[in-house]
C-alpha cells in the first residue's frame, strides 16, 4: 500500500531521442 519513486539518470540527450522503459 505504500509508495516509492524510482529514478534513472541518463547520459547525454537520451530522454529527448528515444523511448524509455522501466522493466521489472
PDBML (XML) file of the C-alpha atoms, coordinates in Angstrom:
<?xml version="1.0" encoding="UTF-8" ?>
<PDBx:datablock datablockName="MODEL"
   xmlns:PDBx="http://pdbml.pdb.org/schema/pdbx-v50.xsd"
   xmlns:xsi="http://www.w3.org/2001/XMLSchema-instance"
   xsi:schemaLocation="http://pdbml.pdb.org/schema/pdbx-v50.xsd pdbx-v50.xsd">
   <PDBx:atom_siteCategory>
      <PDBx:atom_site id="1">
         <PDBx:B_iso_or_equiv>0.00</PDBx:B_iso_or_equiv>
         <PDBx:Cartn_x>0.000</PDBx:Cartn_x>
         <PDBx:Cartn_y>0.000</PDBx:Cartn_y>
         <PDBx:Cartn_z>0.000</PDBx:Cartn_z>
         <PDBx:auth_asym_id>A</PDBx:auth_asym_id>
         <PDBx:auth_atom_id>CA</PDBx:auth_atom_id>
         <PDBx:auth_comp_id>UNK</PDBx:auth_comp_id>
         <PDBx:auth_seq_id>1</PDBx:auth_seq_id>
         <PDBx:group_PDB>ATOM</PDBx:group_PDB>
         <PDBx:label_alt_id xsi:nil="true" />
         <PDBx:label_asym_id>A</PDBx:label_asym_id>
         <PDBx:label_atom_id>CA</PDBx:label_atom_id>
         <PDBx:label_comp_id>UNK</PDBx:label_comp_id>
         <PDBx:label_entity_id>1</PDBx:label_entity_id>
         <PDBx:label_seq_id>1</PDBx:label_seq_id>
         <PDBx:occupancy>1.00</PDBx:occupancy>
         <PDBx:pdbx_PDB_model_num>1</PDBx:pdbx_PDB_model_num>
         <PDBx:type_symbol>C</PDBx:type_symbol>
      </PDBx:atom_site>
      <PDBx:atom_site id="2">
         <PDBx:B_iso_or_equiv>0.00</PDBx:B_iso_or_equiv>
         <PDBx:Cartn_x>2.988</PDBx:Cartn_x>
         <PDBx:Cartn_y>2.306</PDBx:Cartn_y>
         <PDBx:Cartn_z>0.233</PDBx:Cartn_z>
         <PDBx:auth_asym_id>A</PDBx:auth_asym_id>
         <PDBx:auth_atom_id>CA</PDBx:auth_atom_id>
         <PDBx:auth_comp_id>UNK</PDBx:auth_comp_id>
         <PDBx:auth_seq_id>2</PDBx:auth_seq_id>
         <PDBx:group_PDB>ATOM</PDBx:group_PDB>
         <PDBx:label_alt_id xsi:nil="true" />
         <PDBx:label_asym_id>A</PDBx:label_asym_id>
         <PDBx:label_atom_id>CA</PDBx:label_atom_id>
         <PDBx:label_comp_id>UNK</PDBx:label_comp_id>
         <PDBx:label_entity_id>1</PDBx:label_entity_id>
         <PDBx:label_seq_id>2</PDBx:label_seq_id>
         <PDBx:occupancy>1.00</PDBx:occupancy>
         <PDBx:pdbx_PDB_model_num>1</PDBx:pdbx_PDB_model_num>
         <PDBx:type_symbol>C</PDBx:type_symbol>
      </PDBx:atom_site>
      <PDBx:atom_site id="3">
         <PDBx:B_iso_or_equiv>0.00</PDBx:B_iso_or_equiv>
         <PDBx:Cartn_x>4.672</PDBx:Cartn_x>
         <PDBx:Cartn_y>4.459</PDBx:Cartn_y>
         <PDBx:Cartn_z>-2.383</PDBx:Cartn_z>
         <PDBx:auth_asym_id>A</PDBx:auth_asym_id>
         <PDBx:auth_atom_id>CA</PDBx:auth_atom_id>
         <PDBx:auth_comp_id>UNK</PDBx:auth_comp_id>
         <PDBx:auth_seq_id>3</PDBx:auth_seq_id>
         <PDBx:group_PDB>ATOM</PDBx:group_PDB>
         <PDBx:label_alt_id xsi:nil="true" />
         <PDBx:label_asym_id>A</PDBx:label_asym_id>
         <PDBx:label_atom_id>CA</PDBx:label_atom_id>
         <PDBx:label_comp_id>UNK</PDBx:label_comp_id>
         <PDBx:label_entity_id>1</PDBx:label_entity_id>
         <PDBx:label_seq_id>3</PDBx:label_seq_id>
         <PDBx:occupancy>1.00</PDBx:occupancy>
         <PDBx:pdbx_PDB_model_num>1</PDBx:pdbx_PDB_model_num>
         <PDBx:type_symbol>C</PDBx:type_symbol>
      </PDBx:atom_site>
      <PDBx:atom_site id="4">
         <PDBx:B_iso_or_equiv>0.00</PDBx:B_iso_or_equiv>
         <PDBx:Cartn_x>8.141</PDBx:Cartn_x>
         <PDBx:Cartn_y>4.685</PDBx:Cartn_y>
         <PDBx:Cartn_z>-3.853</PDBx:Cartn_z>
         <PDBx:auth_asym_id>A</PDBx:auth_asym_id>
         <PDBx:auth_atom_id>CA</PDBx:auth_atom_id>
         <PDBx:auth_comp_id>UNK</PDBx:auth_comp_id>
         <PDBx:auth_seq_id>4</PDBx:auth_seq_id>
         <PDBx:group_PDB>ATOM</PDBx:group_PDB>
         <PDBx:label_alt_id xsi:nil="true" />
         <PDBx:label_asym_id>A</PDBx:label_asym_id>
         <PDBx:label_atom_id>CA</PDBx:label_atom_id>
         <PDBx:label_comp_id>UNK</PDBx:label_comp_id>
         <PDBx:label_entity_id>1</PDBx:label_entity_id>
         <PDBx:label_seq_id>4</PDBx:label_seq_id>
         <PDBx:occupancy>1.00</PDBx:occupancy>
         <PDBx:pdbx_PDB_model_num>1</PDBx:pdbx_PDB_model_num>
         <PDBx:type_symbol>C</PDBx:type_symbol>
      </PDBx:atom_site>
      <PDBx:atom_site id="5">
         <PDBx:B_iso_or_equiv>0.00</PDBx:B_iso_or_equiv>
         <PDBx:Cartn_x>9.793</PDBx:Cartn_x>
         <PDBx:Cartn_y>6.839</PDBx:Cartn_y>
         <PDBx:Cartn_z>-6.517</PDBx:Cartn_z>
         <PDBx:auth_asym_id>A</PDBx:auth_asym_id>
         <PDBx:auth_atom_id>CA</PDBx:auth_atom_id>
         <PDBx:auth_comp_id>UNK</PDBx:auth_comp_id>
         <PDBx:auth_seq_id>5</PDBx:auth_seq_id>
         <PDBx:group_PDB>ATOM</PDBx:group_PDB>
         <PDBx:label_alt_id xsi:nil="true" />
         <PDBx:label_asym_id>A</PDBx:label_asym_id>
         <PDBx:label_atom_id>CA</PDBx:label_atom_id>
         <PDBx:label_comp_id>UNK</PDBx:label_comp_id>
         <PDBx:label_entity_id>1</PDBx:label_entity_id>
         <PDBx:label_seq_id>5</PDBx:label_seq_id>
         <PDBx:occupancy>1.00</PDBx:occupancy>
         <PDBx:pdbx_PDB_model_num>1</PDBx:pdbx_PDB_model_num>
         <PDBx:type_symbol>C</PDBx:type_symbol>
      </PDBx:atom_site>
      <PDBx:atom_site id="6">
         <PDBx:B_iso_or_equiv>0.00</PDBx:B_iso_or_equiv>
         <PDBx:Cartn_x>12.495</PDBx:Cartn_x>
         <PDBx:Cartn_y>5.336</PDBx:Cartn_y>
         <PDBx:Cartn_z>-8.702</PDBx:Cartn_z>
         <PDBx:auth_asym_id>A</PDBx:auth_asym_id>
         <PDBx:auth_atom_id>CA</PDBx:auth_atom_id>
         <PDBx:auth_comp_id>UNK</PDBx:auth_comp_id>
         <PDBx:auth_seq_id>6</PDBx:auth_seq_id>
         <PDBx:group_PDB>ATOM</PDBx:group_PDB>
         <PDBx:label_alt_id xsi:nil="true" />
         <PDBx:label_asym_id>A</PDBx:label_asym_id>
         <PDBx:label_atom_id>CA</PDBx:label_atom_id>
         <PDBx:label_comp_id>UNK</PDBx:label_comp_id>
         <PDBx:label_entity_id>1</PDBx:label_entity_id>
         <PDBx:label_seq_id>6</PDBx:label_seq_id>
         <PDBx:occupancy>1.00</PDBx:occupancy>
         <PDBx:pdbx_PDB_model_num>1</PDBx:pdbx_PDB_model_num>
         <PDBx:type_symbol>C</PDBx:type_symbol>
      </PDBx:atom_site>
      <PDBx:atom_site id="7">
         <PDBx:B_iso_or_equiv>0.00</PDBx:B_iso_or_equiv>
         <PDBx:Cartn_x>14.951</PDBx:Cartn_x>
         <PDBx:Cartn_y>7.423</PDBx:Cartn_y>
         <PDBx:Cartn_z>-10.689</PDBx:Cartn_z>
         <PDBx:auth_asym_id>A</PDBx:auth_asym_id>
         <PDBx:auth_atom_id>CA</PDBx:auth_atom_id>
         <PDBx:auth_comp_id>UNK</PDBx:auth_comp_id>
         <PDBx:auth_seq_id>7</PDBx:auth_seq_id>
         <PDBx:group_PDB>ATOM</PDBx:group_PDB>
         <PDBx:label_alt_id xsi:nil="true" />
         <PDBx:label_asym_id>A</PDBx:label_asym_id>
         <PDBx:label_atom_id>CA</PDBx:label_atom_id>
         <PDBx:label_comp_id>UNK</PDBx:label_comp_id>
         <PDBx:label_entity_id>1</PDBx:label_entity_id>
         <PDBx:label_seq_id>7</PDBx:label_seq_id>
         <PDBx:occupancy>1.00</PDBx:occupancy>
         <PDBx:pdbx_PDB_model_num>1</PDBx:pdbx_PDB_model_num>
         <PDBx:type_symbol>C</PDBx:type_symbol>
      </PDBx:atom_site>
      <PDBx:atom_site id="8">
         <PDBx:B_iso_or_equiv>0.00</PDBx:B_iso_or_equiv>
         <PDBx:Cartn_x>17.114</PDBx:Cartn_x>
         <PDBx:Cartn_y>6.665</PDBx:Cartn_y>
         <PDBx:Cartn_z>-13.700</PDBx:Cartn_z>
         <PDBx:auth_asym_id>A</PDBx:auth_asym_id>
         <PDBx:auth_atom_id>CA</PDBx:auth_atom_id>
         <PDBx:auth_comp_id>UNK</PDBx:auth_comp_id>
         <PDBx:auth_seq_id>8</PDBx:auth_seq_id>
         <PDBx:group_PDB>ATOM</PDBx:group_PDB>
         <PDBx:label_alt_id xsi:nil="true" />
         <PDBx:label_asym_id>A</PDBx:label_asym_id>
         <PDBx:label_atom_id>CA</PDBx:label_atom_id>
         <PDBx:label_comp_id>UNK</PDBx:label_comp_id>
         <PDBx:label_entity_id>1</PDBx:label_entity_id>
         <PDBx:label_seq_id>8</PDBx:label_seq_id>
         <PDBx:occupancy>1.00</PDBx:occupancy>
         <PDBx:pdbx_PDB_model_num>1</PDBx:pdbx_PDB_model_num>
         <PDBx:type_symbol>C</PDBx:type_symbol>
      </PDBx:atom_site>
      <PDBx:atom_site id="9">
         <PDBx:B_iso_or_equiv>0.00</PDBx:B_iso_or_equiv>
         <PDBx:Cartn_x>19.855</PDBx:Cartn_x>
         <PDBx:Cartn_y>9.125</PDBx:Cartn_y>
         <PDBx:Cartn_z>-14.565</PDBx:Cartn_z>
         <PDBx:auth_asym_id>A</PDBx:auth_asym_id>
         <PDBx:auth_atom_id>CA</PDBx:auth_atom_id>
         <PDBx:auth_comp_id>UNK</PDBx:auth_comp_id>
         <PDBx:auth_seq_id>9</PDBx:auth_seq_id>
         <PDBx:group_PDB>ATOM</PDBx:group_PDB>
         <PDBx:label_alt_id xsi:nil="true" />
         <PDBx:label_asym_id>A</PDBx:label_asym_id>
         <PDBx:label_atom_id>CA</PDBx:label_atom_id>
         <PDBx:label_comp_id>UNK</PDBx:label_comp_id>
         <PDBx:label_entity_id>1</PDBx:label_entity_id>
         <PDBx:label_seq_id>9</PDBx:label_seq_id>
         <PDBx:occupancy>1.00</PDBx:occupancy>
         <PDBx:pdbx_PDB_model_num>1</PDBx:pdbx_PDB_model_num>
         <PDBx:type_symbol>C</PDBx:type_symbol>
      </PDBx:atom_site>
      <PDBx:atom_site id="10">
         <PDBx:B_iso_or_equiv>0.00</PDBx:B_iso_or_equiv>
         <PDBx:Cartn_x>20.581</PDBx:Cartn_x>
         <PDBx:Cartn_y>9.079</PDBx:Cartn_y>
         <PDBx:Cartn_z>-18.290</PDBx:Cartn_z>
         <PDBx:auth_asym_id>A</PDBx:auth_asym_id>
         <PDBx:auth_atom_id>CA</PDBx:auth_atom_id>
         <PDBx:auth_comp_id>UNK</PDBx:auth_comp_id>
         <PDBx:auth_seq_id>10</PDBx:auth_seq_id>
         <PDBx:group_PDB>ATOM</PDBx:group_PDB>
         <PDBx:label_alt_id xsi:nil="true" />
         <PDBx:label_asym_id>A</PDBx:label_asym_id>
         <PDBx:label_atom_id>CA</PDBx:label_atom_id>
         <PDBx:label_comp_id>UNK</PDBx:label_comp_id>
         <PDBx:label_entity_id>1</PDBx:label_entity_id>
         <PDBx:label_seq_id>10</PDBx:label_seq_id>
         <PDBx:occupancy>1.00</PDBx:occupancy>
         <PDBx:pdbx_PDB_model_num>1</PDBx:pdbx_PDB_model_num>
         <PDBx:type_symbol>C</PDBx:type_symbol>
      </PDBx:atom_site>
      <PDBx:atom_site id="11">
         <PDBx:B_iso_or_equiv>0.00</PDBx:B_iso_or_equiv>
         <PDBx:Cartn_x>23.677</PDBx:Cartn_x>
         <PDBx:Cartn_y>10.365</PDBx:Cartn_y>
         <PDBx:Cartn_z>-20.043</PDBx:Cartn_z>
         <PDBx:auth_asym_id>A</PDBx:auth_asym_id>
         <PDBx:auth_atom_id>CA</PDBx:auth_atom_id>
         <PDBx:auth_comp_id>UNK</PDBx:auth_comp_id>
         <PDBx:auth_seq_id>11</PDBx:auth_seq_id>
         <PDBx:group_PDB>ATOM</PDBx:group_PDB>
         <PDBx:label_alt_id xsi:nil="true" />
         <PDBx:label_asym_id>A</PDBx:label_asym_id>
         <PDBx:label_atom_id>CA</PDBx:label_atom_id>
         <PDBx:label_comp_id>UNK</PDBx:label_comp_id>
         <PDBx:label_entity_id>1</PDBx:label_entity_id>
         <PDBx:label_seq_id>11</PDBx:label_seq_id>
         <PDBx:occupancy>1.00</PDBx:occupancy>
         <PDBx:pdbx_PDB_model_num>1</PDBx:pdbx_PDB_model_num>
         <PDBx:type_symbol>C</PDBx:type_symbol>
      </PDBx:atom_site>
      <PDBx:atom_site id="12">
         <PDBx:B_iso_or_equiv>0.00</PDBx:B_iso_or_equiv>
         <PDBx:Cartn_x>23.520</PDBx:Cartn_x>
         <PDBx:Cartn_y>12.951</PDBx:Cartn_y>
         <PDBx:Cartn_z>-22.798</PDBx:Cartn_z>
         <PDBx:auth_asym_id>A</PDBx:auth_asym_id>
         <PDBx:auth_atom_id>CA</PDBx:auth_atom_id>
         <PDBx:auth_comp_id>UNK</PDBx:auth_comp_id>
         <PDBx:auth_seq_id>12</PDBx:auth_seq_id>
         <PDBx:group_PDB>ATOM</PDBx:group_PDB>
         <PDBx:label_alt_id xsi:nil="true" />
         <PDBx:label_asym_id>A</PDBx:label_asym_id>
         <PDBx:label_atom_id>CA</PDBx:label_atom_id>
         <PDBx:label_comp_id>UNK</PDBx:label_comp_id>
         <PDBx:label_entity_id>1</PDBx:label_entity_id>
         <PDBx:label_seq_id>12</PDBx:label_seq_id>
         <PDBx:occupancy>1.00</PDBx:occupancy>
         <PDBx:pdbx_PDB_model_num>1</PDBx:pdbx_PDB_model_num>
         <PDBx:type_symbol>C</PDBx:type_symbol>
      </PDBx:atom_site>
      <PDBx:atom_site id="13">
         <PDBx:B_iso_or_equiv>0.00</PDBx:B_iso_or_equiv>
         <PDBx:Cartn_x>20.246</PDBx:Cartn_x>
         <PDBx:Cartn_y>13.631</PDBx:Cartn_y>
         <PDBx:Cartn_z>-24.597</PDBx:Cartn_z>
         <PDBx:auth_asym_id>A</PDBx:auth_asym_id>
         <PDBx:auth_atom_id>CA</PDBx:auth_atom_id>
         <PDBx:auth_comp_id>UNK</PDBx:auth_comp_id>
         <PDBx:auth_seq_id>13</PDBx:auth_seq_id>
         <PDBx:group_PDB>ATOM</PDBx:group_PDB>
         <PDBx:label_alt_id xsi:nil="true" />
         <PDBx:label_asym_id>A</PDBx:label_asym_id>
         <PDBx:label_atom_id>CA</PDBx:label_atom_id>
         <PDBx:label_comp_id>UNK</PDBx:label_comp_id>
         <PDBx:label_entity_id>1</PDBx:label_entity_id>
         <PDBx:label_seq_id>13</PDBx:label_seq_id>
         <PDBx:occupancy>1.00</PDBx:occupancy>
         <PDBx:pdbx_PDB_model_num>1</PDBx:pdbx_PDB_model_num>
         <PDBx:type_symbol>C</PDBx:type_symbol>
      </PDBx:atom_site>
      <PDBx:atom_site id="14">
         <PDBx:B_iso_or_equiv>0.00</PDBx:B_iso_or_equiv>
         <PDBx:Cartn_x>18.838</PDBx:Cartn_x>
         <PDBx:Cartn_y>10.109</PDBx:Cartn_y>
         <PDBx:Cartn_z>-24.377</PDBx:Cartn_z>
         <PDBx:auth_asym_id>A</PDBx:auth_asym_id>
         <PDBx:auth_atom_id>CA</PDBx:auth_atom_id>
         <PDBx:auth_comp_id>UNK</PDBx:auth_comp_id>
         <PDBx:auth_seq_id>14</PDBx:auth_seq_id>
         <PDBx:group_PDB>ATOM</PDBx:group_PDB>
         <PDBx:label_alt_id xsi:nil="true" />
         <PDBx:label_asym_id>A</PDBx:label_asym_id>
         <PDBx:label_atom_id>CA</PDBx:label_atom_id>
         <PDBx:label_comp_id>UNK</PDBx:label_comp_id>
         <PDBx:label_entity_id>1</PDBx:label_entity_id>
         <PDBx:label_seq_id>14</PDBx:label_seq_id>
         <PDBx:occupancy>1.00</PDBx:occupancy>
         <PDBx:pdbx_PDB_model_num>1</PDBx:pdbx_PDB_model_num>
         <PDBx:type_symbol>C</PDBx:type_symbol>
      </PDBx:atom_site>
      <PDBx:atom_site id="15">
         <PDBx:B_iso_or_equiv>0.00</PDBx:B_iso_or_equiv>
         <PDBx:Cartn_x>15.473</PDBx:Cartn_x>
         <PDBx:Cartn_y>11.224</PDBx:Cartn_y>
         <PDBx:Cartn_z>-22.996</PDBx:Cartn_z>
         <PDBx:auth_asym_id>A</PDBx:auth_asym_id>
         <PDBx:auth_atom_id>CA</PDBx:auth_atom_id>
         <PDBx:auth_comp_id>UNK</PDBx:auth_comp_id>
         <PDBx:auth_seq_id>15</PDBx:auth_seq_id>
         <PDBx:group_PDB>ATOM</PDBx:group_PDB>
         <PDBx:label_alt_id xsi:nil="true" />
         <PDBx:label_asym_id>A</PDBx:label_asym_id>
         <PDBx:label_atom_id>CA</PDBx:label_atom_id>
         <PDBx:label_comp_id>UNK</PDBx:label_comp_id>
         <PDBx:label_entity_id>1</PDBx:label_entity_id>
         <PDBx:label_seq_id>15</PDBx:label_seq_id>
         <PDBx:occupancy>1.00</PDBx:occupancy>
         <PDBx:pdbx_PDB_model_num>1</PDBx:pdbx_PDB_model_num>
         <PDBx:type_symbol>C</PDBx:type_symbol>
      </PDBx:atom_site>
      <PDBx:atom_site id="16">
         <PDBx:B_iso_or_equiv>0.00</PDBx:B_iso_or_equiv>
         <PDBx:Cartn_x>14.994</PDBx:Cartn_x>
         <PDBx:Cartn_y>13.567</PDBx:Cartn_y>
         <PDBx:Cartn_z>-25.952</PDBx:Cartn_z>
         <PDBx:auth_asym_id>A</PDBx:auth_asym_id>
         <PDBx:auth_atom_id>CA</PDBx:auth_atom_id>
         <PDBx:auth_comp_id>UNK</PDBx:auth_comp_id>
         <PDBx:auth_seq_id>16</PDBx:auth_seq_id>
         <PDBx:group_PDB>ATOM</PDBx:group_PDB>
         <PDBx:label_alt_id xsi:nil="true" />
         <PDBx:label_asym_id>A</PDBx:label_asym_id>
         <PDBx:label_atom_id>CA</PDBx:label_atom_id>
         <PDBx:label_comp_id>UNK</PDBx:label_comp_id>
         <PDBx:label_entity_id>1</PDBx:label_entity_id>
         <PDBx:label_seq_id>16</PDBx:label_seq_id>
         <PDBx:occupancy>1.00</PDBx:occupancy>
         <PDBx:pdbx_PDB_model_num>1</PDBx:pdbx_PDB_model_num>
         <PDBx:type_symbol>C</PDBx:type_symbol>
      </PDBx:atom_site>
      <PDBx:atom_site id="17">
         <PDBx:B_iso_or_equiv>0.00</PDBx:B_iso_or_equiv>
         <PDBx:Cartn_x>15.791</PDBx:Cartn_x>
         <PDBx:Cartn_y>10.920</PDBx:Cartn_y>
         <PDBx:Cartn_z>-28.570</PDBx:Cartn_z>
         <PDBx:auth_asym_id>A</PDBx:auth_asym_id>
         <PDBx:auth_atom_id>CA</PDBx:auth_atom_id>
         <PDBx:auth_comp_id>UNK</PDBx:auth_comp_id>
         <PDBx:auth_seq_id>17</PDBx:auth_seq_id>
         <PDBx:group_PDB>ATOM</PDBx:group_PDB>
         <PDBx:label_alt_id xsi:nil="true" />
         <PDBx:label_asym_id>A</PDBx:label_asym_id>
         <PDBx:label_atom_id>CA</PDBx:label_atom_id>
         <PDBx:label_comp_id>UNK</PDBx:label_comp_id>
         <PDBx:label_entity_id>1</PDBx:label_entity_id>
         <PDBx:label_seq_id>17</PDBx:label_seq_id>
         <PDBx:occupancy>1.00</PDBx:occupancy>
         <PDBx:pdbx_PDB_model_num>1</PDBx:pdbx_PDB_model_num>
         <PDBx:type_symbol>C</PDBx:type_symbol>
      </PDBx:atom_site>
      <PDBx:atom_site id="18">
         <PDBx:B_iso_or_equiv>0.00</PDBx:B_iso_or_equiv>
         <PDBx:Cartn_x>14.416</PDBx:Cartn_x>
         <PDBx:Cartn_y>7.549</PDBx:Cartn_y>
         <PDBx:Cartn_z>-27.519</PDBx:Cartn_z>
         <PDBx:auth_asym_id>A</PDBx:auth_asym_id>
         <PDBx:auth_atom_id>CA</PDBx:auth_atom_id>
         <PDBx:auth_comp_id>UNK</PDBx:auth_comp_id>
         <PDBx:auth_seq_id>18</PDBx:auth_seq_id>
         <PDBx:group_PDB>ATOM</PDBx:group_PDB>
         <PDBx:label_alt_id xsi:nil="true" />
         <PDBx:label_asym_id>A</PDBx:label_asym_id>
         <PDBx:label_atom_id>CA</PDBx:label_atom_id>
         <PDBx:label_comp_id>UNK</PDBx:label_comp_id>
         <PDBx:label_entity_id>1</PDBx:label_entity_id>
         <PDBx:label_seq_id>18</PDBx:label_seq_id>
         <PDBx:occupancy>1.00</PDBx:occupancy>
         <PDBx:pdbx_PDB_model_num>1</PDBx:pdbx_PDB_model_num>
         <PDBx:type_symbol>C</PDBx:type_symbol>
      </PDBx:atom_site>
      <PDBx:atom_site id="19">
         <PDBx:B_iso_or_equiv>0.00</PDBx:B_iso_or_equiv>
         <PDBx:Cartn_x>11.501</PDBx:Cartn_x>
         <PDBx:Cartn_y>5.779</PDBx:Cartn_y>
         <PDBx:Cartn_z>-25.962</PDBx:Cartn_z>
         <PDBx:auth_asym_id>A</PDBx:auth_asym_id>
         <PDBx:auth_atom_id>CA</PDBx:auth_atom_id>
         <PDBx:auth_comp_id>UNK</PDBx:auth_comp_id>
         <PDBx:auth_seq_id>19</PDBx:auth_seq_id>
         <PDBx:group_PDB>ATOM</PDBx:group_PDB>
         <PDBx:label_alt_id xsi:nil="true" />
         <PDBx:label_asym_id>A</PDBx:label_asym_id>
         <PDBx:label_atom_id>CA</PDBx:label_atom_id>
         <PDBx:label_comp_id>UNK</PDBx:label_comp_id>
         <PDBx:label_entity_id>1</PDBx:label_entity_id>
         <PDBx:label_seq_id>19</PDBx:label_seq_id>
         <PDBx:occupancy>1.00</PDBx:occupancy>
         <PDBx:pdbx_PDB_model_num>1</PDBx:pdbx_PDB_model_num>
         <PDBx:type_symbol>C</PDBx:type_symbol>
      </PDBx:atom_site>
      <PDBx:atom_site id="20">
         <PDBx:B_iso_or_equiv>0.00</PDBx:B_iso_or_equiv>
         <PDBx:Cartn_x>12.400</PDBx:Cartn_x>
         <PDBx:Cartn_y>4.926</PDBx:Cartn_y>
         <PDBx:Cartn_z>-22.370</PDBx:Cartn_z>
         <PDBx:auth_asym_id>A</PDBx:auth_asym_id>
         <PDBx:auth_atom_id>CA</PDBx:auth_atom_id>
         <PDBx:auth_comp_id>UNK</PDBx:auth_comp_id>
         <PDBx:auth_seq_id>20</PDBx:auth_seq_id>
         <PDBx:group_PDB>ATOM</PDBx:group_PDB>
         <PDBx:label_alt_id xsi:nil="true" />
         <PDBx:label_asym_id>A</PDBx:label_asym_id>
         <PDBx:label_atom_id>CA</PDBx:label_atom_id>
         <PDBx:label_comp_id>UNK</PDBx:label_comp_id>
         <PDBx:label_entity_id>1</PDBx:label_entity_id>
         <PDBx:label_seq_id>20</PDBx:label_seq_id>
         <PDBx:occupancy>1.00</PDBx:occupancy>
         <PDBx:pdbx_PDB_model_num>1</PDBx:pdbx_PDB_model_num>
         <PDBx:type_symbol>C</PDBx:type_symbol>
      </PDBx:atom_site>
      <PDBx:atom_site id="21">
         <PDBx:B_iso_or_equiv>0.00</PDBx:B_iso_or_equiv>
         <PDBx:Cartn_x>11.223</PDBx:Cartn_x>
         <PDBx:Cartn_y>1.870</PDBx:Cartn_y>
         <PDBx:Cartn_z>-20.496</PDBx:Cartn_z>
         <PDBx:auth_asym_id>A</PDBx:auth_asym_id>
         <PDBx:auth_atom_id>CA</PDBx:auth_atom_id>
         <PDBx:auth_comp_id>UNK</PDBx:auth_comp_id>
         <PDBx:auth_seq_id>21</PDBx:auth_seq_id>
         <PDBx:group_PDB>ATOM</PDBx:group_PDB>
         <PDBx:label_alt_id xsi:nil="true" />
         <PDBx:label_asym_id>A</PDBx:label_asym_id>
         <PDBx:label_atom_id>CA</PDBx:label_atom_id>
         <PDBx:label_comp_id>UNK</PDBx:label_comp_id>
         <PDBx:label_entity_id>1</PDBx:label_entity_id>
         <PDBx:label_seq_id>21</PDBx:label_seq_id>
         <PDBx:occupancy>1.00</PDBx:occupancy>
         <PDBx:pdbx_PDB_model_num>1</PDBx:pdbx_PDB_model_num>
         <PDBx:type_symbol>C</PDBx:type_symbol>
      </PDBx:atom_site>
      <PDBx:atom_site id="22">
         <PDBx:B_iso_or_equiv>0.00</PDBx:B_iso_or_equiv>
         <PDBx:Cartn_x>11.036</PDBx:Cartn_x>
         <PDBx:Cartn_y>0.531</PDBx:Cartn_y>
         <PDBx:Cartn_z>-16.971</PDBx:Cartn_z>
         <PDBx:auth_asym_id>A</PDBx:auth_asym_id>
         <PDBx:auth_atom_id>CA</PDBx:auth_atom_id>
         <PDBx:auth_comp_id>UNK</PDBx:auth_comp_id>
         <PDBx:auth_seq_id>22</PDBx:auth_seq_id>
         <PDBx:group_PDB>ATOM</PDBx:group_PDB>
         <PDBx:label_alt_id xsi:nil="true" />
         <PDBx:label_asym_id>A</PDBx:label_asym_id>
         <PDBx:label_atom_id>CA</PDBx:label_atom_id>
         <PDBx:label_comp_id>UNK</PDBx:label_comp_id>
         <PDBx:label_entity_id>1</PDBx:label_entity_id>
         <PDBx:label_seq_id>22</PDBx:label_seq_id>
         <PDBx:occupancy>1.00</PDBx:occupancy>
         <PDBx:pdbx_PDB_model_num>1</PDBx:pdbx_PDB_model_num>
         <PDBx:type_symbol>C</PDBx:type_symbol>
      </PDBx:atom_site>
      <PDBx:atom_site id="23">
         <PDBx:B_iso_or_equiv>0.00</PDBx:B_iso_or_equiv>
         <PDBx:Cartn_x>11.349</PDBx:Cartn_x>
         <PDBx:Cartn_y>-3.229</PDBx:Cartn_y>
         <PDBx:Cartn_z>-16.570</PDBx:Cartn_z>
         <PDBx:auth_asym_id>A</PDBx:auth_asym_id>
         <PDBx:auth_atom_id>CA</PDBx:auth_atom_id>
         <PDBx:auth_comp_id>UNK</PDBx:auth_comp_id>
         <PDBx:auth_seq_id>23</PDBx:auth_seq_id>
         <PDBx:group_PDB>ATOM</PDBx:group_PDB>
         <PDBx:label_alt_id xsi:nil="true" />
         <PDBx:label_asym_id>A</PDBx:label_asym_id>
         <PDBx:label_atom_id>CA</PDBx:label_atom_id>
         <PDBx:label_comp_id>UNK</PDBx:label_comp_id>
         <PDBx:label_entity_id>1</PDBx:label_entity_id>
         <PDBx:label_seq_id>23</PDBx:label_seq_id>
         <PDBx:occupancy>1.00</PDBx:occupancy>
         <PDBx:pdbx_PDB_model_num>1</PDBx:pdbx_PDB_model_num>
         <PDBx:type_symbol>C</PDBx:type_symbol>
      </PDBx:atom_site>
      <PDBx:atom_site id="24">
         <PDBx:B_iso_or_equiv>0.00</PDBx:B_iso_or_equiv>
         <PDBx:Cartn_x>10.760</PDBx:Cartn_x>
         <PDBx:Cartn_y>-5.388</PDBx:Cartn_y>
         <PDBx:Cartn_z>-13.534</PDBx:Cartn_z>
         <PDBx:auth_asym_id>A</PDBx:auth_asym_id>
         <PDBx:auth_atom_id>CA</PDBx:auth_atom_id>
         <PDBx:auth_comp_id>UNK</PDBx:auth_comp_id>
         <PDBx:auth_seq_id>24</PDBx:auth_seq_id>
         <PDBx:group_PDB>ATOM</PDBx:group_PDB>
         <PDBx:label_alt_id xsi:nil="true" />
         <PDBx:label_asym_id>A</PDBx:label_asym_id>
         <PDBx:label_atom_id>CA</PDBx:label_atom_id>
         <PDBx:label_comp_id>UNK</PDBx:label_comp_id>
         <PDBx:label_entity_id>1</PDBx:label_entity_id>
         <PDBx:label_seq_id>24</PDBx:label_seq_id>
         <PDBx:occupancy>1.00</PDBx:occupancy>
         <PDBx:pdbx_PDB_model_num>1</PDBx:pdbx_PDB_model_num>
         <PDBx:type_symbol>C</PDBx:type_symbol>
      </PDBx:atom_site>
   </PDBx:atom_siteCategory>
</PDBx:datablock>
